[in-house]
Amino acid sequence: MLGSALKVSVNAKNLTQESTDFYFPTGTWCSLFGPTLGQCIPNTFGQTVTMSSKLNEYYVHMREGTVVPM
């Protein structure tokens, strides 16, 4: 987590791993970068989501309803 609004998900453990379980805290998380660009993950409670995670893939998600100054 980068603060309470941004989440980066990376597989940094295994070169041959094809998917990883990533935890998402409560809220709707929308993809800003990565293979799932533009897709949102809604959840009422914190949940684990299984996503593709080859060594060269990573995801950046932003919590819905937040503003991140650039």
N, C-alpha and C. Protein backbone atom coordinates (compact mmCIF):
# COMPACT_ATOMS: atom_id res chain seq x y z
N MET A 1 0.84 -1.18 0.00
CA MET A 1 0.00 0.00 0.00
C MET A 1 0.88 1.24 0.00
N LEU A 2 0.47 2.20 -0.76
CA LEU A 2 1.11 3.51 -0.77
C LEU A 2 0.08 4.49 -0.22
N GLY A 3 0.11 4.71 1.09
CA GLY A 3 -0.93 5.49 1.73
C GLY A 3 -2.20 4.67 1.81
N SER A 4 -3.35 5.33 1.80
CA SER A 4 -4.62 4.60 1.89
C SER A 4 -5.34 4.54 0.55
N ALA A 5 -4.76 5.14 -0.50
CA ALA A 5 -5.46 5.22 -1.79
C ALA A 5 -4.82 4.41 -2.91
N LEU A 6 -3.54 4.12 -2.83
CA LEU A 6 -2.86 3.39 -3.91
C LEU A 6 -2.35 2.04 -3.41
N LYS A 7 -2.46 1.03 -4.27
CA LYS A 7 -1.99 -0.31 -3.95
C LYS A 7 -1.20 -0.85 -5.13
N VAL A 8 0.01 -1.32 -4.86
CA VAL A 8 0.85 -1.93 -5.89
C VAL A 8 0.93 -3.42 -5.58
N SER A 9 0.67 -4.26 -6.58
CA SER A 9 0.72 -5.71 -6.41
C SER A 9 1.77 -6.28 -7.35
N VAL A 10 2.74 -6.99 -6.77
CA VAL A 10 3.87 -7.51 -7.54
C VAL A 10 4.19 -8.92 -7.08
N ASN A 11 4.54 -9.79 -8.02
CA ASN A 11 5.07 -11.12 -7.70
C ASN A 11 6.58 -10.99 -7.70
N ALA A 12 7.18 -10.98 -6.53
CA ALA A 12 8.63 -10.85 -6.44
C ALA A 12 9.27 -12.09 -5.83
N LYS A 13 8.52 -13.19 -5.77
CA LYS A 13 9.02 -14.37 -5.07
C LYS A 13 9.52 -15.48 -5.99
N ASN A 14 8.84 -15.71 -7.10
CA ASN A 14 9.10 -16.91 -7.87
C ASN A 14 9.07 -16.65 -9.37
N LEU A 15 10.10 -17.05 -10.05
CA LEU A 15 10.23 -16.81 -11.49
C LEU A 15 9.20 -17.61 -12.31
N THR A 16 8.81 -18.79 -11.84
CA THR A 16 7.91 -19.64 -12.62
C THR A 16 6.45 -19.55 -12.18
N GLN A 17 6.15 -18.75 -11.19
CA GLN A 17 4.78 -18.62 -10.67
C GLN A 17 3.90 -17.92 -11.69
N GLU A 18 2.71 -18.47 -11.94
CA GLU A 18 1.79 -17.93 -12.94
C GLU A 18 0.70 -17.04 -12.35
N SER A 19 0.35 -17.25 -11.07
CA SER A 19 -0.68 -16.43 -10.44
C SER A 19 -0.36 -16.26 -8.96
N THR A 20 -0.92 -15.20 -8.37
CA THR A 20 -0.69 -14.88 -6.97
C THR A 20 -1.99 -14.39 -6.36
N ASP A 21 -2.19 -14.67 -5.08
CA ASP A 21 -3.32 -14.15 -4.33
C ASP A 21 -2.91 -12.80 -3.74
N PHE A 22 -3.62 -11.74 -4.12
CA PHE A 22 -3.35 -10.40 -3.62
C PHE A 22 -4.51 -9.96 -2.73
N TYR A 23 -4.20 -9.37 -1.58
CA TYR A 23 -5.22 -8.90 -0.65
C TYR A 23 -5.64 -7.48 -1.02
N PHE A 24 -6.95 -7.24 -1.04
CA PHE A 24 -7.51 -5.91 -1.27
C PHE A 24 -8.35 -5.52 -0.06
N PRO A 25 -8.01 -4.40 0.59
CA PRO A 25 -8.82 -3.93 1.72
C PRO A 25 -10.22 -3.52 1.26
N THR A 26 -11.08 -3.25 2.21
CA THR A 26 -12.46 -2.84 1.93
C THR A 26 -12.49 -1.65 0.98
N GLY A 27 -13.41 -1.68 0.03
CA GLY A 27 -13.57 -0.60 -0.93
C GLY A 27 -13.54 -1.12 -2.35
N THR A 28 -13.77 -0.25 -3.29
CA THR A 28 -13.68 -0.60 -4.70
C THR A 28 -12.33 -0.13 -5.21
N TRP A 29 -11.58 -1.03 -5.82
CA TRP A 29 -10.23 -0.74 -6.30
C TRP A 29 -10.21 -0.83 -7.83
N CYS A 30 -9.79 0.24 -8.49
CA CYS A 30 -9.75 0.29 -9.96
C CYS A 30 -8.31 0.29 -10.44
N SER A 31 -8.08 -0.48 -11.48
CA SER A 31 -6.73 -0.63 -12.02
C SER A 31 -6.31 0.60 -12.81
N LEU A 32 -5.16 1.15 -12.47
CA LEU A 32 -4.59 2.30 -13.19
C LEU A 32 -3.50 1.87 -14.16
N PHE A 33 -2.89 0.71 -13.87
CA PHE A 33 -1.79 0.24 -14.71
C PHE A 33 -1.67 -1.26 -14.55
N GLY A 34 -1.37 -1.94 -15.63
CA GLY A 34 -1.19 -3.38 -15.58
C GLY A 34 -2.09 -4.07 -16.58
N PRO A 35 -2.06 -5.40 -16.59
CA PRO A 35 -2.85 -6.16 -17.56
C PRO A 35 -4.36 -5.97 -17.43
N THR A 36 -4.84 -5.49 -16.29
CA THR A 36 -6.28 -5.31 -16.08
C THR A 36 -6.69 -3.85 -16.12
N LEU A 37 -6.01 -3.03 -16.88
CA LEU A 37 -6.26 -1.59 -16.94
C LEU A 37 -7.75 -1.28 -17.09
N GLY A 38 -8.26 -0.43 -16.20
CA GLY A 38 -9.64 0.02 -16.26
C GLY A 38 -10.64 -0.87 -15.55
N GLN A 39 -10.25 -2.06 -15.12
CA GLN A 39 -11.16 -2.95 -14.41
C GLN A 39 -11.20 -2.60 -12.93
N CYS A 40 -12.36 -2.77 -12.32
CA CYS A 40 -12.50 -2.47 -10.89
C CYS A 40 -12.84 -3.74 -10.12
N ILE A 41 -12.37 -3.78 -8.87
CA ILE A 41 -12.63 -4.91 -7.98
C ILE A 41 -13.44 -4.37 -6.80
N PRO A 42 -14.78 -4.59 -6.83
CA PRO A 42 -15.59 -4.11 -5.70
C PRO A 42 -15.61 -5.16 -4.59
N ASN A 43 -15.52 -4.71 -3.34
CA ASN A 43 -15.70 -5.63 -2.22
C ASN A 43 -16.17 -4.88 -0.99
N THR A 44 -17.06 -5.52 -0.24
CA THR A 44 -17.61 -4.92 0.96
C THR A 44 -16.67 -5.14 2.14
N PHE A 45 -16.02 -6.28 2.14
CA PHE A 45 -15.06 -6.63 3.18
C PHE A 45 -13.72 -6.86 2.51
N GLY A 46 -12.62 -6.81 3.24
CA GLY A 46 -11.33 -7.11 2.65
C GLY A 46 -11.36 -8.52 2.08
N GLN A 47 -10.76 -8.70 0.91
CA GLN A 47 -10.76 -10.02 0.28
C GLN A 47 -9.48 -10.27 -0.49
N THR A 48 -9.23 -11.52 -0.76
CA THR A 48 -8.07 -11.93 -1.55
C THR A 48 -8.54 -12.23 -2.96
N VAL A 49 -7.81 -11.71 -3.96
CA VAL A 49 -8.15 -11.91 -5.36
C VAL A 49 -6.95 -12.58 -6.04
N THR A 50 -7.21 -13.65 -6.80
CA THR A 50 -6.15 -14.34 -7.53
C THR A 50 -6.01 -13.69 -8.90
N MET A 51 -4.80 -13.21 -9.22
CA MET A 51 -4.55 -12.57 -10.50
C MET A 51 -3.29 -13.15 -11.13
N SER A 52 -3.21 -13.07 -12.45
CA SER A 52 -2.01 -13.47 -13.17
C SER A 52 -0.84 -12.66 -12.63
N SER A 53 0.31 -13.30 -12.45
CA SER A 53 1.43 -12.55 -11.87
C SER A 53 2.77 -13.13 -12.30
N LYS A 54 3.02 -13.10 -13.57
CA LYS A 54 4.35 -13.48 -14.03
C LYS A 54 5.34 -12.45 -13.51
N LEU A 55 6.59 -12.77 -13.52
CA LEU A 55 7.60 -11.92 -12.90
C LEU A 55 7.63 -10.51 -13.47
N ASN A 56 7.27 -10.34 -14.75
CA ASN A 56 7.32 -9.01 -15.36
C ASN A 56 5.99 -8.27 -15.30
N GLU A 57 4.98 -8.82 -14.62
CA GLU A 57 3.68 -8.16 -14.51
C GLU A 57 3.52 -7.52 -13.13
N TYR A 58 2.90 -6.36 -13.11
CA TYR A 58 2.55 -5.73 -11.83
C TYR A 58 1.30 -4.90 -12.02
N TYR A 59 0.65 -4.59 -10.92
CA TYR A 59 -0.61 -3.87 -10.95
C TYR A 59 -0.54 -2.65 -10.05
N VAL A 60 -1.21 -1.58 -10.45
CA VAL A 60 -1.38 -0.40 -9.61
C VAL A 60 -2.89 -0.15 -9.55
N HIS A 61 -3.45 -0.20 -8.35
CA HIS A 61 -4.88 0.04 -8.15
C HIS A 61 -5.08 1.27 -7.27
N MET A 62 -6.17 1.98 -7.54
CA MET A 62 -6.51 3.17 -6.75
C MET A 62 -7.89 2.96 -6.14
N ARG A 63 -8.03 3.33 -4.86
CA ARG A 63 -9.32 3.18 -4.18
C ARG A 63 -10.31 4.20 -4.73
N GLU A 64 -11.51 3.73 -5.03
CA GLU A 64 -12.57 4.60 -5.54
C GLU A 64 -12.90 5.70 -4.55
N GLY A 65 -13.11 6.92 -5.06
CA GLY A 65 -13.49 8.04 -4.22
C GLY A 65 -12.32 8.78 -3.59
N THR A 66 -11.11 8.48 -4.03
CA THR A 66 -9.93 9.16 -3.48
C THR A 66 -9.27 10.00 -4.57
N VAL A 67 -8.51 10.97 -4.13
CA VAL A 67 -7.75 11.84 -5.03
C VAL A 67 -6.29 11.71 -4.68
N VAL A 68 -5.46 11.50 -5.69
CA VAL A 68 -4.02 11.40 -5.46
C VAL A 68 -3.34 12.54 -6.21
N PRO A 69 -2.76 13.51 -5.50
CA PRO A 69 -2.09 14.61 -6.19
C PRO A 69 -0.82 14.12 -6.88
N MET A 70 -0.59 14.62 -8.04
CA MET A 70 0.61 14.22 -8.81
C MET A 70 1.65 15.33 -8.80
